[in-house]
Amino acid sequence: MLIAVAIENLNGLASQVSSHFGHAPLYLLAEVDSNEIGEWKIEPNPYLERHEPGRIPAYIHSLGAQVMICGGMGRKAID
């Protein structure tokens, strides 16, 4: 399962979780299987400077993420 985490910095798996999904500068994507973290990578938020509702959820989905972890998320992103 691919899990996405909204993060604030480039500290890999020790990165701070962002307090808001859409305002996160980065997203960590980690493959998790049998409770073990496998390969992971960090992707920049391509919509950070031009935040448009619906764009970021579609982007995260296009990366293959099945689960999203973040500090907070607006109603449109949840839908």
N, C-alpha and C. Protein backbone atom coordinates (compact mmCIF):
# COMPACT_ATOMS: atom_id res chain seq x y z
N MET A 1 0.85 -1.17 0.00
CA MET A 1 0.00 0.00 0.00
C MET A 1 0.89 1.24 0.00
N LEU A 2 0.55 2.20 -0.84
CA LEU A 2 1.31 3.45 -0.89
C LEU A 2 0.62 4.49 0.01
N ILE A 3 1.39 5.01 0.96
CA ILE A 3 0.88 6.00 1.90
C ILE A 3 1.57 7.33 1.63
N ALA A 4 0.79 8.40 1.56
CA ALA A 4 1.33 9.75 1.38
C ALA A 4 1.23 10.49 2.71
N VAL A 5 2.28 11.24 3.02
CA VAL A 5 2.31 12.04 4.25
C VAL A 5 2.68 13.47 3.86
N ALA A 6 1.85 14.42 4.24
CA ALA A 6 2.16 15.84 4.01
C ALA A 6 3.25 16.22 5.01
N ILE A 7 4.40 16.71 4.50
CA ILE A 7 5.53 17.02 5.39
C ILE A 7 6.04 18.44 5.19
N GLU A 8 6.80 18.90 6.19
CA GLU A 8 7.32 20.27 6.21
C GLU A 8 8.78 20.39 5.80
N ASN A 9 9.55 19.28 5.85
CA ASN A 9 10.98 19.40 5.60
C ASN A 9 11.53 18.15 4.93
N LEU A 10 12.79 18.18 4.58
CA LEU A 10 13.44 17.08 3.85
C LEU A 10 14.21 16.15 4.78
N ASN A 11 13.61 15.75 5.88
CA ASN A 11 14.27 14.87 6.83
C ASN A 11 13.85 13.41 6.66
N GLY A 12 13.43 13.05 5.46
CA GLY A 12 13.06 11.67 5.19
C GLY A 12 11.94 11.18 6.10
N LEU A 13 12.10 9.97 6.61
CA LEU A 13 11.07 9.38 7.46
C LEU A 13 10.93 10.11 8.79
N ALA A 14 11.89 10.95 9.14
CA ALA A 14 11.83 11.74 10.38
C ALA A 14 11.25 13.14 10.13
N SER A 15 10.73 13.40 8.95
CA SER A 15 10.18 14.72 8.61
C SER A 15 8.98 15.05 9.48
N GLN A 16 8.80 16.33 9.72
CA GLN A 16 7.66 16.82 10.50
C GLN A 16 6.41 16.77 9.63
N VAL A 17 5.32 16.22 10.17
CA VAL A 17 4.05 16.19 9.45
C VAL A 17 3.51 17.61 9.36
N SER A 18 3.05 17.98 8.19
CA SER A 18 2.50 19.32 7.97
C SER A 18 1.16 19.47 8.67
N SER A 19 0.90 20.66 9.15
CA SER A 19 -0.36 20.91 9.85
C SER A 19 -1.55 21.04 8.90
N HIS A 20 -1.28 21.18 7.59
CA HIS A 20 -2.39 21.27 6.64
C HIS A 20 -2.02 20.65 5.31
N PHE A 21 -2.86 19.79 4.81
CA PHE A 21 -2.66 19.05 3.56
C PHE A 21 -2.28 19.94 2.38
N GLY A 22 -3.08 20.94 2.09
CA GLY A 22 -2.88 21.76 0.90
C GLY A 22 -1.73 22.75 0.98
N HIS A 23 -1.29 23.06 2.19
CA HIS A 23 -0.21 24.03 2.37
C HIS A 23 1.14 23.36 2.63
N ALA A 24 1.17 22.04 2.57
CA ALA A 24 2.43 21.31 2.77
C ALA A 24 3.36 21.56 1.59
N PRO A 25 4.62 21.86 1.84
CA PRO A 25 5.54 22.07 0.73
C PRO A 25 5.98 20.76 0.07
N LEU A 26 5.83 19.65 0.80
CA LEU A 26 6.33 18.36 0.32
C LEU A 26 5.38 17.23 0.72
N TYR A 27 5.48 16.14 -0.02
CA TYR A 27 4.72 14.92 0.31
C TYR A 27 5.68 13.75 0.28
N LEU A 28 5.71 12.99 1.36
CA LEU A 28 6.51 11.77 1.41
C LEU A 28 5.60 10.62 1.01
N LEU A 29 6.06 9.81 0.09
CA LEU A 29 5.30 8.64 -0.36
C LEU A 29 6.07 7.40 0.04
N ALA A 30 5.43 6.54 0.82
CA ALA A 30 6.10 5.35 1.33
C ALA A 30 5.28 4.11 1.02
N GLU A 31 5.97 3.10 0.54
CA GLU A 31 5.35 1.80 0.29
C GLU A 31 5.39 1.03 1.61
N VAL A 32 4.22 0.57 2.06
CA VAL A 32 4.12 -0.17 3.32
C VAL A 32 3.51 -1.54 3.02
N ASP A 33 4.19 -2.58 3.50
CA ASP A 33 3.73 -3.94 3.30
C ASP A 33 4.00 -4.73 4.57
N SER A 34 2.99 -5.38 5.08
CA SER A 34 3.12 -6.18 6.32
C SER A 34 3.73 -5.36 7.45
N ASN A 35 3.24 -4.14 7.61
CA ASN A 35 3.69 -3.22 8.66
C ASN A 35 5.16 -2.83 8.56
N GLU A 36 5.76 -3.01 7.40
CA GLU A 36 7.15 -2.63 7.16
C GLU A 36 7.18 -1.53 6.10
N ILE A 37 7.99 -0.49 6.35
CA ILE A 37 8.16 0.58 5.37
C ILE A 37 9.23 0.15 4.38
N GLY A 38 8.86 0.17 3.12
CA GLY A 38 9.81 -0.18 2.06
C GLY A 38 10.38 1.06 1.43
N GLU A 39 10.35 1.11 0.12
CA GLU A 39 10.87 2.26 -0.61
C GLU A 39 10.02 3.49 -0.32
N TRP A 40 10.67 4.63 -0.30
CA TRP A 40 9.96 5.89 -0.11
C TRP A 40 10.66 6.98 -0.92
N LYS A 41 9.90 8.03 -1.20
CA LYS A 41 10.45 9.19 -1.92
C LYS A 41 9.70 10.43 -1.47
N ILE A 42 10.29 11.57 -1.76
CA ILE A 42 9.67 12.85 -1.42
C ILE A 42 9.39 13.60 -2.72
N GLU A 43 8.16 14.10 -2.83
CA GLU A 43 7.74 14.87 -3.99
C GLU A 43 7.36 16.28 -3.54
N PRO A 44 7.73 17.31 -4.29
CA PRO A 44 7.31 18.67 -3.95
C PRO A 44 5.84 18.87 -4.28
N ASN A 45 5.22 19.79 -3.59
CA ASN A 45 3.83 20.16 -3.86
C ASN A 45 3.83 21.10 -5.06
N PRO A 46 3.41 20.64 -6.23
CA PRO A 46 3.46 21.49 -7.42
C PRO A 46 2.43 22.62 -7.40
N TYR A 47 1.51 22.58 -6.46
CA TYR A 47 0.46 23.60 -6.39
C TYR A 47 0.59 24.49 -5.15
N LEU A 48 1.76 24.47 -4.52
CA LEU A 48 1.95 25.24 -3.29
C LEU A 48 1.71 26.73 -3.50
N GLU A 49 2.24 27.27 -4.58
CA GLU A 49 2.12 28.71 -4.83
C GLU A 49 0.79 29.09 -5.49
N ARG A 50 0.14 28.15 -6.13
CA ARG A 50 -1.14 28.44 -6.82
C ARG A 50 -2.18 27.40 -6.40
N HIS A 51 -2.50 27.47 -5.12
CA HIS A 51 -3.44 26.52 -4.51
C HIS A 51 -4.82 26.64 -5.14
N GLU A 52 -5.29 25.56 -5.74
CA GLU A 52 -6.63 25.50 -6.32
C GLU A 52 -7.34 24.28 -5.77
N PRO A 53 -8.52 24.45 -5.20
CA PRO A 53 -9.24 23.31 -4.62
C PRO A 53 -9.39 22.16 -5.63
N GLY A 54 -9.09 20.96 -5.15
CA GLY A 54 -9.25 19.76 -5.97
C GLY A 54 -7.99 19.32 -6.70
N ARG A 55 -7.06 20.24 -6.95
CA ARG A 55 -5.85 19.91 -7.71
C ARG A 55 -4.91 18.99 -6.92
N ILE A 56 -4.68 19.31 -5.66
CA ILE A 56 -3.72 18.53 -4.88
C ILE A 56 -4.25 17.12 -4.60
N PRO A 57 -5.52 16.95 -4.22
CA PRO A 57 -6.01 15.57 -4.05
C PRO A 57 -5.86 14.75 -5.33
N ALA A 58 -6.12 15.35 -6.48
CA ALA A 58 -5.98 14.64 -7.76
C ALA A 58 -4.51 14.29 -8.01
N TYR A 59 -3.61 15.20 -7.66
CA TYR A 59 -2.18 14.95 -7.83
C TYR A 59 -1.73 13.77 -6.96
N ILE A 60 -2.10 13.80 -5.69
CA ILE A 60 -1.72 12.72 -4.77
C ILE A 60 -2.30 11.39 -5.27
N HIS A 61 -3.52 11.40 -5.72
CA HIS A 61 -4.15 10.19 -6.27
C HIS A 61 -3.39 9.70 -7.50
N SER A 62 -2.95 10.63 -8.35
CA SER A 62 -2.22 10.24 -9.57
C SER A 62 -0.88 9.58 -9.25
N LEU A 63 -0.34 9.85 -8.07
CA LEU A 63 0.91 9.23 -7.65
C LEU A 63 0.68 7.80 -7.14
N GLY A 64 -0.59 7.42 -6.96
CA GLY A 64 -0.91 6.07 -6.53
C GLY A 64 -1.17 5.91 -5.05
N ALA A 65 -1.18 7.01 -4.31
CA ALA A 65 -1.41 6.92 -2.86
C ALA A 65 -2.82 6.41 -2.55
N GLN A 66 -2.88 5.53 -1.58
CA GLN A 66 -4.16 4.97 -1.14
C GLN A 66 -4.58 5.52 0.22
N VAL A 67 -3.63 6.09 0.95
CA VAL A 67 -3.88 6.65 2.28
C VAL A 67 -3.14 7.98 2.35
N MET A 68 -3.76 8.99 3.01
CA MET A 68 -3.14 10.30 3.19
C MET A 68 -3.06 10.60 4.67
N ILE A 69 -1.88 11.00 5.13
CA ILE A 69 -1.69 11.41 6.53
C ILE A 69 -1.28 12.87 6.52
N CYS A 70 -2.00 13.69 7.31
CA CYS A 70 -1.66 15.11 7.44
C CYS A 70 -2.28 15.64 8.71
N GLY A 71 -1.89 16.85 9.06
CA GLY A 71 -2.41 17.47 10.28
C GLY A 71 -3.84 17.93 10.15
N GLY A 72 -4.26 18.39 8.99
CA GLY A 72 -5.62 18.86 8.77
C GLY A 72 -5.92 18.91 7.30
N MET A 73 -7.21 18.86 6.98
CA MET A 73 -7.64 18.83 5.58
C MET A 73 -9.02 19.46 5.47
N GLY A 74 -9.20 20.30 4.46
CA GLY A 74 -10.48 20.93 4.23
C GLY A 74 -11.52 19.95 3.67
N ARG A 75 -12.77 20.34 3.73
CA ARG A 75 -13.88 19.48 3.30
C ARG A 75 -13.75 19.06 1.83
N LYS A 76 -13.36 19.99 0.95
CA LYS A 76 -13.25 19.64 -0.48
C LYS A 76 -12.18 18.57 -0.71
N ALA A 77 -11.06 18.68 -0.02
CA ALA A 77 -9.99 17.69 -0.17
C ALA A 77 -10.44 16.34 0.37
N ILE A 78 -11.18 16.34 1.44
CA ILE A 78 -11.68 15.08 2.02
C ILE A 78 -12.62 14.39 1.03
N ASP A 79 -13.50 15.18 0.42
CA ASP A 79 -14.44 14.61 -0.55
C ASP A 79 -13.70 14.04 -1.73
